[in-house]
N, C-alpha and C. Protein backbone atom coordinates (compact mmCIF):
# COMPACT_ATOMS: atom_id res chain seq x y z
N MET A 1 -108.53 -10.17 157.10
CA MET A 1 -109.43 -11.24 156.71
C MET A 1 -108.94 -11.82 155.39
N LEU A 2 -108.80 -13.17 155.33
CA LEU A 2 -108.28 -13.85 154.16
C LEU A 2 -109.32 -14.79 153.57
N ASP A 3 -109.16 -15.09 152.28
CA ASP A 3 -109.97 -16.15 151.71
C ASP A 3 -109.22 -17.48 151.87
N ARG A 4 -109.80 -18.57 151.40
CA ARG A 4 -109.21 -19.89 151.60
C ARG A 4 -107.92 -20.08 150.80
N GLN A 5 -107.66 -19.22 149.84
CA GLN A 5 -106.41 -19.29 149.09
C GLN A 5 -105.31 -18.43 149.71
N GLY A 6 -105.64 -17.76 150.83
CA GLY A 6 -104.65 -16.93 151.51
C GLY A 6 -104.57 -15.51 151.02
N ASN A 7 -105.50 -15.10 150.16
CA ASN A 7 -105.50 -13.74 149.64
C ASN A 7 -106.15 -12.79 150.64
N LEU A 8 -105.52 -11.64 150.86
CA LEU A 8 -106.05 -10.65 151.79
C LEU A 8 -107.28 -9.99 151.21
N LYS A 9 -108.41 -10.10 151.91
CA LYS A 9 -109.65 -9.46 151.48
C LYS A 9 -109.84 -8.10 152.15
N LYS A 10 -109.44 -8.01 153.42
CA LYS A 10 -109.63 -6.76 154.14
C LYS A 10 -108.70 -6.71 155.34
N ASP A 11 -108.05 -5.58 155.55
CA ASP A 11 -107.23 -5.35 156.73
C ASP A 11 -108.09 -4.63 157.76
N ILE A 12 -108.50 -5.34 158.82
CA ILE A 12 -109.44 -4.80 159.79
C ILE A 12 -108.69 -4.46 161.08
N ARG A 13 -108.81 -3.25 161.55
CA ARG A 13 -108.10 -2.81 162.75
C ARG A 13 -109.03 -2.87 163.97
N VAL A 14 -108.52 -3.45 165.04
CA VAL A 14 -109.23 -3.48 166.32
C VAL A 14 -108.26 -3.06 167.41
N GLY A 15 -108.82 -2.68 168.57
CA GLY A 15 -107.99 -2.27 169.69
C GLY A 15 -107.79 -0.78 169.76
N GLU A 16 -107.09 -0.36 170.82
CA GLU A 16 -106.75 1.05 171.00
C GLU A 16 -105.54 1.15 171.91
N GLY A 17 -104.66 2.09 171.63
CA GLY A 17 -103.50 2.30 172.47
C GLY A 17 -102.67 1.04 172.63
N THR A 18 -102.39 0.68 173.90
CA THR A 18 -101.57 -0.50 174.18
C THR A 18 -102.35 -1.80 174.08
N ALA A 19 -103.67 -1.73 173.96
CA ALA A 19 -104.49 -2.94 173.76
C ALA A 19 -104.60 -3.19 172.26
N TYR A 20 -103.52 -3.70 171.68
CA TYR A 20 -103.41 -3.81 170.24
C TYR A 20 -103.37 -5.24 169.72
N HIS A 21 -103.28 -6.23 170.62
CA HIS A 21 -103.01 -7.60 170.18
C HIS A 21 -104.31 -8.39 170.02
N PRO A 22 -104.72 -8.71 168.77
CA PRO A 22 -105.94 -9.50 168.59
C PRO A 22 -105.70 -10.95 168.98
N GLY A 23 -106.70 -11.56 169.61
CA GLY A 23 -106.58 -12.94 170.05
C GLY A 23 -107.43 -13.89 169.24
N GLY A 24 -107.65 -15.08 169.80
CA GLY A 24 -108.44 -16.10 169.11
C GLY A 24 -109.86 -15.64 168.90
N LEU A 25 -110.39 -15.86 167.71
CA LEU A 25 -111.71 -15.35 167.34
C LEU A 25 -112.66 -16.50 167.06
N ASP A 26 -113.96 -16.15 166.97
CA ASP A 26 -115.00 -17.14 166.75
C ASP A 26 -116.11 -16.50 165.93
N PHE A 27 -116.66 -17.26 164.99
CA PHE A 27 -117.78 -16.80 164.16
C PHE A 27 -119.05 -17.49 164.63
N ASP A 28 -120.06 -16.70 165.05
CA ASP A 28 -121.28 -17.27 165.63
C ASP A 28 -122.40 -17.46 164.61
N GLY A 29 -122.06 -17.34 163.34
CA GLY A 29 -123.07 -17.45 162.29
C GLY A 29 -123.53 -16.11 161.77
N LYS A 30 -123.28 -15.06 162.54
CA LYS A 30 -123.64 -13.71 162.13
C LYS A 30 -122.43 -12.78 162.21
N ASP A 31 -121.74 -12.78 163.36
CA ASP A 31 -120.61 -11.89 163.60
C ASP A 31 -119.36 -12.68 163.97
N VAL A 32 -118.22 -12.06 163.72
CA VAL A 32 -116.94 -12.58 164.19
C VAL A 32 -116.62 -11.89 165.52
N TRP A 33 -116.42 -12.67 166.58
CA TRP A 33 -116.06 -12.15 167.89
C TRP A 33 -114.55 -12.21 168.05
N VAL A 34 -113.94 -11.10 168.45
CA VAL A 34 -112.48 -11.05 168.57
C VAL A 34 -112.08 -10.13 169.71
N PRO A 35 -111.16 -10.55 170.59
CA PRO A 35 -110.64 -9.66 171.62
C PRO A 35 -109.35 -8.99 171.16
N ALA A 36 -109.10 -7.81 171.66
CA ALA A 36 -107.81 -7.13 171.47
C ALA A 36 -107.30 -6.76 172.86
N ALA A 37 -106.08 -7.18 173.18
CA ALA A 37 -105.59 -7.04 174.55
C ALA A 37 -104.18 -6.47 174.57
N GLU A 38 -103.79 -5.96 175.73
CA GLU A 38 -102.39 -5.62 175.95
C GLU A 38 -101.57 -6.91 175.93
N TYR A 39 -100.36 -6.81 175.39
CA TYR A 39 -99.55 -8.02 175.23
C TYR A 39 -98.76 -8.32 176.50
N ARG A 40 -99.49 -8.59 177.57
CA ARG A 40 -98.91 -8.97 178.85
C ARG A 40 -100.02 -9.52 179.72
N PRO A 41 -99.68 -10.38 180.70
CA PRO A 41 -100.72 -10.94 181.57
C PRO A 41 -101.30 -9.89 182.51
N ASN A 42 -102.49 -10.20 183.04
CA ASN A 42 -103.13 -9.34 184.05
C ASN A 42 -103.25 -7.90 183.58
N SER A 43 -103.66 -7.72 182.34
CA SER A 43 -103.73 -6.37 181.76
C SER A 43 -105.17 -5.99 181.47
N ARG A 44 -105.52 -5.73 180.24
CA ARG A 44 -106.89 -5.36 179.88
C ARG A 44 -107.16 -5.77 178.45
N ALA A 45 -108.45 -5.85 178.12
CA ALA A 45 -108.84 -6.26 176.77
C ALA A 45 -110.16 -5.61 176.39
N ILE A 46 -110.38 -5.51 175.10
CA ILE A 46 -111.63 -5.03 174.53
C ILE A 46 -112.16 -6.12 173.61
N VAL A 47 -113.41 -6.51 173.78
CA VAL A 47 -114.01 -7.54 172.96
C VAL A 47 -114.89 -6.87 171.90
N TYR A 48 -114.66 -7.23 170.65
CA TYR A 48 -115.38 -6.64 169.52
C TYR A 48 -116.15 -7.71 168.75
N THR A 49 -117.10 -7.26 167.94
CA THR A 49 -117.64 -8.07 166.86
C THR A 49 -117.35 -7.38 165.54
N VAL A 50 -117.16 -8.21 164.50
CA VAL A 50 -116.93 -7.70 163.16
C VAL A 50 -117.97 -8.33 162.24
N ASP A 51 -118.68 -7.50 161.50
CA ASP A 51 -119.64 -7.98 160.51
C ASP A 51 -118.85 -8.47 159.29
N PRO A 52 -118.91 -9.77 158.95
CA PRO A 52 -118.09 -10.26 157.83
C PRO A 52 -118.57 -9.79 156.47
N LYS A 53 -119.77 -9.21 156.40
CA LYS A 53 -120.27 -8.71 155.12
C LYS A 53 -119.86 -7.26 154.89
N THR A 54 -119.96 -6.45 155.95
CA THR A 54 -119.66 -5.02 155.81
C THR A 54 -118.30 -4.65 156.41
N TYR A 55 -117.71 -5.56 157.22
CA TYR A 55 -116.46 -5.34 157.95
C TYR A 55 -116.59 -4.28 159.03
N ARG A 56 -117.82 -3.97 159.42
CA ARG A 56 -118.02 -2.99 160.47
C ARG A 56 -117.59 -3.58 161.82
N VAL A 57 -116.82 -2.79 162.57
CA VAL A 57 -116.30 -3.21 163.89
C VAL A 57 -117.13 -2.55 164.98
N THR A 58 -117.63 -3.36 165.94
CA THR A 58 -118.44 -2.85 167.04
C THR A 58 -117.83 -3.30 168.36
N GLU A 59 -117.57 -2.33 169.25
CA GLU A 59 -117.09 -2.70 170.58
C GLU A 59 -118.24 -3.26 171.40
N ARG A 60 -118.03 -4.44 172.03
CA ARG A 60 -119.05 -5.09 172.84
C ARG A 60 -118.85 -4.85 174.33
N PHE A 61 -117.64 -5.07 174.84
CA PHE A 61 -117.38 -4.83 176.26
C PHE A 61 -115.88 -4.85 176.53
N ARG A 62 -115.52 -4.43 177.75
CA ARG A 62 -114.12 -4.35 178.17
C ARG A 62 -113.90 -5.24 179.39
N VAL A 63 -112.69 -5.78 179.50
CA VAL A 63 -112.35 -6.70 180.58
C VAL A 63 -111.04 -6.26 181.21
N GLN A 64 -110.98 -6.28 182.54
CA GLN A 64 -109.76 -5.94 183.25
C GLN A 64 -108.88 -7.18 183.41
N ASP A 65 -108.48 -7.75 182.28
CA ASP A 65 -107.56 -8.86 182.23
C ASP A 65 -107.18 -9.05 180.77
N HIS A 66 -106.06 -9.72 180.54
CA HIS A 66 -105.72 -10.10 179.17
C HIS A 66 -106.65 -11.22 178.73
N VAL A 67 -107.38 -11.01 177.64
CA VAL A 67 -108.25 -12.04 177.08
C VAL A 67 -107.62 -12.48 175.76
N GLY A 68 -107.19 -13.75 175.72
CA GLY A 68 -106.46 -14.25 174.56
C GLY A 68 -107.33 -14.93 173.53
N GLY A 69 -108.61 -15.13 173.83
CA GLY A 69 -109.51 -15.77 172.88
C GLY A 69 -110.93 -15.77 173.40
N VAL A 70 -111.90 -15.74 172.50
CA VAL A 70 -113.31 -15.77 172.89
C VAL A 70 -114.07 -16.75 172.01
N VAL A 71 -115.17 -17.30 172.58
CA VAL A 71 -116.08 -18.21 171.87
C VAL A 71 -117.50 -17.85 172.26
N ARG A 72 -118.41 -17.83 171.29
CA ARG A 72 -119.83 -17.57 171.54
C ARG A 72 -120.58 -18.90 171.54
N ASP A 73 -121.24 -19.19 172.65
CA ASP A 73 -122.04 -20.42 172.77
C ASP A 73 -123.32 -20.24 171.96
N ARG A 74 -123.54 -21.09 170.96
CA ARG A 74 -124.71 -20.95 170.09
C ARG A 74 -126.00 -21.32 170.81
N THR A 75 -125.91 -22.09 171.90
CA THR A 75 -127.13 -22.52 172.59
C THR A 75 -127.57 -21.53 173.66
N THR A 76 -126.62 -20.88 174.34
CA THR A 76 -126.97 -19.95 175.42
C THR A 76 -126.78 -18.49 175.02
N GLY A 77 -125.99 -18.23 174.00
CA GLY A 77 -125.67 -16.86 173.61
C GLY A 77 -124.55 -16.26 174.43
N GLN A 78 -124.07 -16.95 175.44
CA GLN A 78 -123.02 -16.41 176.29
C GLN A 78 -121.67 -16.42 175.58
N VAL A 79 -120.78 -15.56 176.06
CA VAL A 79 -119.44 -15.42 175.49
C VAL A 79 -118.44 -15.97 176.50
N HIS A 80 -117.58 -16.87 176.05
CA HIS A 80 -116.57 -17.48 176.92
C HIS A 80 -115.19 -17.01 176.46
N GLY A 81 -114.29 -16.86 177.42
CA GLY A 81 -112.96 -16.37 177.09
C GLY A 81 -111.88 -17.00 177.94
N VAL A 82 -110.64 -16.89 177.46
CA VAL A 82 -109.48 -17.41 178.18
C VAL A 82 -108.50 -16.26 178.42
N SER A 83 -107.83 -16.32 179.56
CA SER A 83 -106.87 -15.29 179.92
C SER A 83 -105.50 -15.61 179.31
N TRP A 84 -104.50 -14.84 179.68
CA TRP A 84 -103.11 -15.08 179.26
C TRP A 84 -102.72 -16.50 179.66
N GLY A 85 -102.29 -17.29 178.68
CA GLY A 85 -101.94 -18.67 178.97
C GLY A 85 -103.13 -19.54 179.31
N SER A 86 -104.32 -19.02 179.18
CA SER A 86 -105.58 -19.71 179.49
C SER A 86 -105.63 -20.22 180.91
N ARG A 87 -104.96 -19.53 181.83
CA ARG A 87 -104.98 -19.97 183.23
C ARG A 87 -106.34 -19.71 183.87
N THR A 88 -107.08 -18.72 183.35
CA THR A 88 -108.41 -18.41 183.86
C THR A 88 -109.42 -18.50 182.72
N LEU A 89 -110.56 -19.12 183.01
CA LEU A 89 -111.64 -19.26 182.04
C LEU A 89 -112.79 -18.36 182.46
N TYR A 90 -113.29 -17.53 181.53
CA TYR A 90 -114.34 -16.56 181.82
C TYR A 90 -115.63 -16.90 181.09
N ASP A 91 -116.73 -16.32 181.60
CA ASP A 91 -118.06 -16.46 180.99
C ASP A 91 -118.78 -15.13 181.17
N TRP A 92 -119.23 -14.52 180.04
CA TRP A 92 -119.92 -13.23 180.08
C TRP A 92 -121.23 -13.30 179.30
N THR A 93 -122.11 -12.34 179.58
CA THR A 93 -123.22 -12.08 178.67
C THR A 93 -122.65 -11.36 177.45
N PRO A 94 -123.40 -11.28 176.33
CA PRO A 94 -122.91 -10.55 175.15
C PRO A 94 -122.62 -9.08 175.44
N ALA A 95 -123.21 -8.53 176.50
CA ALA A 95 -122.96 -7.14 176.87
C ALA A 95 -121.80 -6.99 177.84
N GLY A 96 -121.21 -8.13 178.28
CA GLY A 96 -120.03 -8.04 179.12
C GLY A 96 -120.24 -8.26 180.60
N LYS A 97 -121.43 -8.61 181.05
CA LYS A 97 -121.63 -8.92 182.47
C LYS A 97 -120.98 -10.26 182.77
N GLN A 98 -120.06 -10.25 183.75
CA GLN A 98 -119.36 -11.49 184.07
C GLN A 98 -120.27 -12.46 184.80
N LEU A 99 -120.38 -13.67 184.26
CA LEU A 99 -121.22 -14.71 184.84
C LEU A 99 -120.41 -15.78 185.55
N GLY A 100 -119.16 -15.94 185.16
CA GLY A 100 -118.34 -16.97 185.76
C GLY A 100 -116.86 -16.71 185.56
N LYS A 101 -116.05 -17.27 186.46
CA LYS A 101 -114.60 -17.15 186.40
C LYS A 101 -114.02 -18.31 187.19
N MET A 102 -113.16 -19.11 186.57
CA MET A 102 -112.58 -20.24 187.28
C MET A 102 -111.22 -20.59 186.70
N ALA A 103 -110.42 -21.27 187.50
CA ALA A 103 -109.10 -21.70 187.06
C ALA A 103 -109.23 -22.83 186.05
N ASN A 104 -108.35 -22.84 185.08
CA ASN A 104 -108.32 -23.90 184.09
C ASN A 104 -107.78 -25.17 184.72
N GLU A 105 -108.50 -26.28 184.55
CA GLU A 105 -108.06 -27.55 185.11
C GLU A 105 -106.81 -28.09 184.41
N SER A 106 -106.60 -27.70 183.16
CA SER A 106 -105.48 -28.24 182.40
C SER A 106 -104.19 -27.49 182.73
N HIS A 107 -103.14 -28.26 183.01
CA HIS A 107 -101.80 -27.69 183.16
C HIS A 107 -100.90 -28.19 182.05
N LEU A 108 -101.51 -28.81 181.04
CA LEU A 108 -100.75 -29.34 179.92
C LEU A 108 -100.55 -28.32 178.82
N LEU A 109 -101.63 -27.56 178.49
CA LEU A 109 -101.58 -26.64 177.37
C LEU A 109 -101.98 -25.24 177.78
N ASP A 110 -101.35 -24.25 177.16
CA ASP A 110 -101.82 -22.87 177.20
C ASP A 110 -102.63 -22.65 175.93
N TYR A 111 -103.95 -22.53 176.06
CA TYR A 111 -104.80 -22.40 174.87
C TYR A 111 -104.50 -21.07 174.17
N GLN A 112 -104.33 -21.14 172.85
CA GLN A 112 -104.08 -19.96 172.05
C GLN A 112 -105.29 -19.54 171.22
N ASP A 113 -106.17 -20.51 170.92
CA ASP A 113 -107.35 -20.21 170.12
C ASP A 113 -108.39 -21.29 170.40
N CYS A 114 -109.65 -20.88 170.49
CA CYS A 114 -110.74 -21.83 170.71
C CYS A 114 -111.87 -21.55 169.72
N ASP A 115 -112.54 -22.60 169.30
CA ASP A 115 -113.67 -22.49 168.38
C ASP A 115 -114.86 -23.25 168.95
N TYR A 116 -116.04 -22.75 168.65
CA TYR A 116 -117.24 -23.43 169.12
C TYR A 116 -117.39 -24.77 168.44
N ALA A 117 -117.77 -25.77 169.24
CA ALA A 117 -118.11 -27.10 168.72
C ALA A 117 -119.55 -27.38 169.12
N ALA A 118 -120.28 -28.03 168.25
CA ALA A 118 -121.73 -28.15 168.40
C ALA A 118 -122.16 -28.66 169.76
N ARG A 119 -123.32 -28.13 170.18
CA ARG A 119 -124.00 -28.52 171.41
C ARG A 119 -123.21 -28.15 172.66
N GLY A 120 -122.80 -26.88 172.73
CA GLY A 120 -122.26 -26.35 173.99
C GLY A 120 -120.86 -26.78 174.35
N LYS A 121 -120.00 -26.91 173.35
CA LYS A 121 -118.61 -27.28 173.62
C LYS A 121 -117.67 -26.34 172.86
N GLN A 122 -116.39 -26.33 173.26
CA GLN A 122 -115.40 -25.59 172.52
C GLN A 122 -114.16 -26.45 172.33
N LEU A 123 -113.54 -26.29 171.16
CA LEU A 123 -112.30 -26.98 170.85
C LEU A 123 -111.17 -25.97 170.90
N CYS A 124 -110.17 -26.22 171.72
CA CYS A 124 -109.07 -25.28 171.92
C CYS A 124 -107.76 -25.90 171.46
N GLY A 125 -106.97 -25.11 170.78
CA GLY A 125 -105.62 -25.51 170.41
C GLY A 125 -104.63 -24.71 171.23
N GLY A 126 -103.51 -25.34 171.56
CA GLY A 126 -102.55 -24.64 172.39
C GLY A 126 -101.18 -25.27 172.35
N VAL A 127 -100.29 -24.71 173.15
CA VAL A 127 -98.90 -25.13 173.15
C VAL A 127 -98.27 -24.81 174.49
N THR A 128 -97.29 -25.60 174.89
CA THR A 128 -96.46 -25.31 176.04
C THR A 128 -95.01 -25.54 175.64
N THR A 129 -94.17 -24.55 175.87
CA THR A 129 -92.75 -24.69 175.56
C THR A 129 -92.04 -25.31 176.74
N LEU A 130 -91.37 -26.42 176.50
CA LEU A 130 -90.72 -27.19 177.55
C LEU A 130 -89.22 -27.27 177.31
N PRO A 131 -88.43 -27.38 178.39
CA PRO A 131 -86.97 -27.48 178.21
C PRO A 131 -86.57 -28.84 177.67
N GLY A 132 -85.58 -28.85 176.81
CA GLY A 132 -85.03 -30.08 176.28
C GLY A 132 -83.58 -30.25 176.71
N PRO A 133 -82.90 -31.26 176.23
CA PRO A 133 -81.51 -31.48 176.61
C PRO A 133 -80.58 -30.45 175.98
N ASN A 134 -79.44 -30.23 176.64
CA ASN A 134 -78.37 -29.38 176.10
C ASN A 134 -78.86 -27.97 175.80
N ASN A 135 -79.64 -27.40 176.76
CA ASN A 135 -80.11 -26.02 176.65
C ASN A 135 -81.01 -25.78 175.44
N THR A 136 -81.75 -26.80 175.04
CA THR A 136 -82.71 -26.65 173.96
C THR A 136 -84.12 -26.59 174.54
N SER A 137 -85.08 -26.32 173.67
CA SER A 137 -86.48 -26.33 174.08
C SER A 137 -87.31 -26.86 172.92
N TYR A 138 -88.53 -27.24 173.23
CA TYR A 138 -89.42 -27.71 172.19
C TYR A 138 -90.85 -27.36 172.56
N ASP A 139 -91.71 -27.29 171.54
CA ASP A 139 -93.12 -26.95 171.72
C ASP A 139 -93.95 -28.23 171.83
N LEU A 140 -94.63 -28.40 172.94
CA LEU A 140 -95.62 -29.47 173.08
C LEU A 140 -96.97 -28.88 172.71
N GLY A 141 -97.55 -29.34 171.63
CA GLY A 141 -98.82 -28.81 171.17
C GLY A 141 -99.94 -29.82 171.31
N GLY A 142 -101.17 -29.35 171.27
CA GLY A 142 -102.28 -30.27 171.39
C GLY A 142 -103.62 -29.60 171.20
N LEU A 143 -104.67 -30.40 171.31
CA LEU A 143 -106.05 -29.96 171.18
C LEU A 143 -106.84 -30.46 172.38
N ALA A 144 -107.80 -29.65 172.84
CA ALA A 144 -108.64 -30.03 173.98
C ALA A 144 -110.08 -29.67 173.68
N LEU A 145 -110.99 -30.57 174.03
CA LEU A 145 -112.42 -30.35 173.90
C LEU A 145 -113.00 -30.11 175.29
N LEU A 146 -113.67 -28.95 175.48
CA LEU A 146 -114.20 -28.56 176.79
C LEU A 146 -115.70 -28.38 176.72
N ASP A 147 -116.38 -28.70 177.81
CA ASP A 147 -117.79 -28.42 177.99
C ASP A 147 -117.92 -26.97 178.44
N LEU A 148 -118.64 -26.14 177.69
CA LEU A 148 -118.74 -24.72 178.01
C LEU A 148 -119.53 -24.46 179.29
N ARG A 149 -120.41 -25.37 179.68
CA ARG A 149 -121.21 -25.14 180.88
C ARG A 149 -120.43 -25.40 182.16
N THR A 150 -119.50 -26.36 182.10
CA THR A 150 -118.76 -26.74 183.31
C THR A 150 -117.28 -26.46 183.21
N ASN A 151 -116.78 -26.16 181.99
CA ASN A 151 -115.36 -26.01 181.70
C ASN A 151 -114.58 -27.31 181.92
N ARG A 152 -115.29 -28.42 182.01
CA ARG A 152 -114.63 -29.71 182.18
C ARG A 152 -114.01 -30.15 180.86
N ILE A 153 -112.79 -30.70 180.95
CA ILE A 153 -112.11 -31.20 179.77
C ILE A 153 -112.69 -32.57 179.42
N LEU A 154 -113.27 -32.68 178.24
CA LEU A 154 -113.89 -33.92 177.81
C LEU A 154 -112.91 -34.83 177.09
N HIS A 155 -111.95 -34.22 176.39
CA HIS A 155 -110.96 -35.00 175.65
C HIS A 155 -109.76 -34.10 175.39
N GLU A 156 -108.57 -34.68 175.40
CA GLU A 156 -107.35 -33.90 175.21
C GLU A 156 -106.32 -34.79 174.53
N ILE A 157 -105.70 -34.28 173.46
CA ILE A 157 -104.72 -35.08 172.72
C ILE A 157 -103.50 -34.23 172.37
N PRO A 158 -102.32 -34.84 172.27
CA PRO A 158 -101.17 -34.11 171.73
C PRO A 158 -101.29 -34.00 170.22
N PHE A 159 -100.62 -33.02 169.63
CA PHE A 159 -100.63 -32.84 168.18
C PHE A 159 -99.18 -32.67 167.72
N PRO A 160 -98.50 -33.76 167.38
CA PRO A 160 -97.05 -33.72 167.12
C PRO A 160 -96.70 -33.35 165.68
N TYR A 161 -97.17 -32.19 165.24
CA TYR A 161 -96.86 -31.71 163.90
C TYR A 161 -96.33 -30.28 164.01
N PHE A 162 -95.40 -29.93 163.09
CA PHE A 162 -94.64 -28.69 163.25
C PHE A 162 -94.54 -27.93 161.94
N SER A 163 -94.30 -26.62 162.07
CA SER A 163 -94.06 -25.78 160.91
C SER A 163 -92.76 -26.21 160.23
N PRO A 164 -92.75 -26.35 158.91
CA PRO A 164 -91.52 -26.76 158.23
C PRO A 164 -90.45 -25.67 158.20
N THR A 165 -90.82 -24.43 158.50
CA THR A 165 -89.85 -23.34 158.41
C THR A 165 -89.28 -22.93 159.76
N THR A 166 -90.04 -23.08 160.84
CA THR A 166 -89.58 -22.60 162.14
C THR A 166 -89.54 -23.68 163.21
N ASN A 167 -90.12 -24.85 162.92
CA ASN A 167 -90.26 -25.93 163.91
C ASN A 167 -91.21 -25.57 165.05
N HIS A 168 -92.01 -24.51 164.90
CA HIS A 168 -93.07 -24.24 165.86
C HIS A 168 -94.13 -25.32 165.75
N ASN A 169 -94.72 -25.70 166.88
CA ASN A 169 -95.81 -26.65 166.81
C ASN A 169 -96.98 -26.06 166.05
N ALA A 170 -97.71 -26.91 165.34
CA ALA A 170 -98.79 -26.45 164.47
C ALA A 170 -99.90 -25.74 165.24
N THR A 171 -100.11 -26.09 166.53
CA THR A 171 -101.20 -25.48 167.30
C THR A 171 -100.73 -24.29 168.14
N ARG A 172 -99.62 -23.69 167.77
CA ARG A 172 -99.04 -22.58 168.53
C ARG A 172 -99.85 -21.30 168.43
N ASN A 173 -100.58 -21.12 167.34
CA ASN A 173 -101.34 -19.90 167.10
C ASN A 173 -102.77 -20.29 166.68
N PRO A 174 -103.39 -19.66 165.68
CA PRO A 174 -104.79 -19.96 165.36
C PRO A 174 -105.02 -21.39 164.89
N VAL A 175 -106.17 -21.93 165.26
CA VAL A 175 -106.61 -23.24 164.77
C VAL A 175 -108.09 -23.13 164.40
N ALA A 176 -108.49 -23.93 163.42
CA ALA A 176 -109.91 -24.01 163.05
C ALA A 176 -110.15 -25.41 162.51
N LEU A 177 -111.21 -26.03 162.99
CA LEU A 177 -111.54 -27.40 162.62
C LEU A 177 -112.85 -27.43 161.85
N GLU A 178 -112.92 -28.23 160.79
CA GLU A 178 -114.16 -28.41 160.06
C GLU A 178 -114.27 -29.87 159.61
N THR A 179 -115.49 -30.28 159.33
CA THR A 179 -115.72 -31.63 158.84
C THR A 179 -116.49 -31.59 157.54
N THR A 180 -116.24 -32.57 156.71
CA THR A 180 -117.03 -32.85 155.52
C THR A 180 -117.59 -34.26 155.72
N PRO A 181 -118.42 -34.75 154.83
CA PRO A 181 -118.92 -36.12 155.00
C PRO A 181 -117.82 -37.17 155.07
N THR A 182 -116.62 -36.85 154.55
CA THR A 182 -115.56 -37.87 154.50
C THR A 182 -114.27 -37.47 155.21
N THR A 183 -114.16 -36.20 155.64
CA THR A 183 -112.86 -35.71 156.09
C THR A 183 -112.97 -34.84 157.34
N LEU A 184 -112.01 -34.99 158.24
CA LEU A 184 -111.81 -34.08 159.35
C LEU A 184 -110.62 -33.21 158.98
N ARG A 185 -110.80 -31.89 158.99
CA ARG A 185 -109.78 -30.98 158.47
C ARG A 185 -109.43 -29.92 159.52
N LEU A 186 -108.14 -29.74 159.78
CA LEU A 186 -107.65 -28.74 160.74
C LEU A 186 -106.81 -27.71 160.01
N TYR A 187 -107.18 -26.43 160.19
CA TYR A 187 -106.40 -25.32 159.65
C TYR A 187 -105.57 -24.72 160.78
N THR A 188 -104.30 -24.45 160.52
CA THR A 188 -103.45 -23.82 161.52
C THR A 188 -102.55 -22.78 160.85
N ALA A 189 -102.05 -21.84 161.65
CA ALA A 189 -101.09 -20.84 161.18
C ALA A 189 -100.09 -20.60 162.31
N PRO A 190 -99.12 -21.50 162.47
CA PRO A 190 -98.27 -21.47 163.67
C PRO A 190 -97.24 -20.35 163.72
N ASP A 191 -96.85 -19.81 162.58
CA ASP A 191 -95.76 -18.84 162.57
C ASP A 191 -96.26 -17.41 162.68
N ASP A 192 -95.35 -16.51 163.00
CA ASP A 192 -95.67 -15.08 163.10
C ASP A 192 -95.19 -14.35 161.85
N GLY A 193 -95.68 -13.13 161.69
CA GLY A 193 -95.35 -12.37 160.50
C GLY A 193 -93.87 -12.09 160.35
N GLU A 194 -93.15 -11.96 161.48
CA GLU A 194 -91.72 -11.65 161.42
C GLU A 194 -90.85 -12.89 161.22
N ASN A 195 -91.46 -14.08 161.26
CA ASN A 195 -90.69 -15.30 161.02
C ASN A 195 -90.31 -15.43 159.56
N PRO A 196 -89.25 -16.19 159.24
CA PRO A 196 -88.89 -16.40 157.83
C PRO A 196 -90.06 -16.98 157.05
N GLY A 197 -90.40 -16.33 155.95
CA GLY A 197 -91.53 -16.78 155.16
C GLY A 197 -92.86 -16.26 155.62
N GLY A 198 -92.87 -15.52 156.76
CA GLY A 198 -94.11 -14.95 157.26
C GLY A 198 -95.06 -16.02 157.79
N THR A 199 -96.35 -15.70 157.79
CA THR A 199 -97.38 -16.62 158.27
C THR A 199 -97.85 -17.51 157.13
N GLU A 200 -97.81 -18.82 157.37
CA GLU A 200 -98.22 -19.77 156.35
C GLU A 200 -99.37 -20.61 156.86
N LEU A 201 -100.44 -20.70 156.08
CA LEU A 201 -101.57 -21.53 156.43
C LEU A 201 -101.23 -22.99 156.17
N GLN A 202 -101.45 -23.83 157.19
CA GLN A 202 -101.21 -25.26 157.05
C GLN A 202 -102.53 -26.00 157.22
N ILE A 203 -102.71 -27.07 156.47
CA ILE A 203 -103.95 -27.84 156.49
C ILE A 203 -103.62 -29.30 156.74
N TYR A 204 -104.28 -29.86 157.76
CA TYR A 204 -104.11 -31.27 158.10
C TYR A 204 -105.45 -31.97 157.94
N GLU A 205 -105.44 -33.14 157.30
CA GLU A 205 -106.68 -33.86 157.05
C GLU A 205 -106.57 -35.30 157.51
N SER A 206 -107.70 -35.81 157.98
CA SER A 206 -107.80 -37.20 158.37
C SER A 206 -109.12 -37.76 157.87
N PRO A 207 -109.14 -38.93 157.28
CA PRO A 207 -110.41 -39.50 156.79
C PRO A 207 -111.31 -39.89 157.94
N LEU A 208 -112.60 -39.68 157.73
CA LEU A 208 -113.61 -40.14 158.71
C LEU A 208 -114.06 -41.54 158.31
N LYS A 209 -114.01 -42.42 159.27
CA LYS A 209 -114.38 -43.80 158.97
C LYS A 209 -115.70 -44.14 159.64
């Protein structure tokens, strides 16, 4: 857990055994919801909550699939999740009873992180690596707004911004969006710890008109 200046406040461990990879998380106003999964598709995951005041970790439920991110709907209380590459969209009760499962309509992006957006929606950031000329490749990144009740894509845009150190697309890993009275602000951390320079927080802003 970091502060806004990037200082480490607490190293919080989640997962067990081979289910060690934490995915996209969401704060519901009380707890931080985070999955920890095996780093492969069609595997397993454990969904936890973390108290941001005490840092206490509580196991909520287990899923027989890789869960790469979760979001808590503030209006229904339900928990929504995405599988490896976000090919499958899930819906559970907070105790883990599966309420829904459907294929993702989008074939443009593999969602890497989703955050709740007001009134029953989620904003997801993602990336797809595509082949380029002369045996090269590039990251196509973007953002998608989905209705949590229907999983219908309401809006989807490309995001053509990249890490200055690795050329990874900015939406390759965690994303978080916030607004002020004058500004729309996106936080991203596209690089991994083993990349040159480690993980760097990037901030993109656009004025609200």
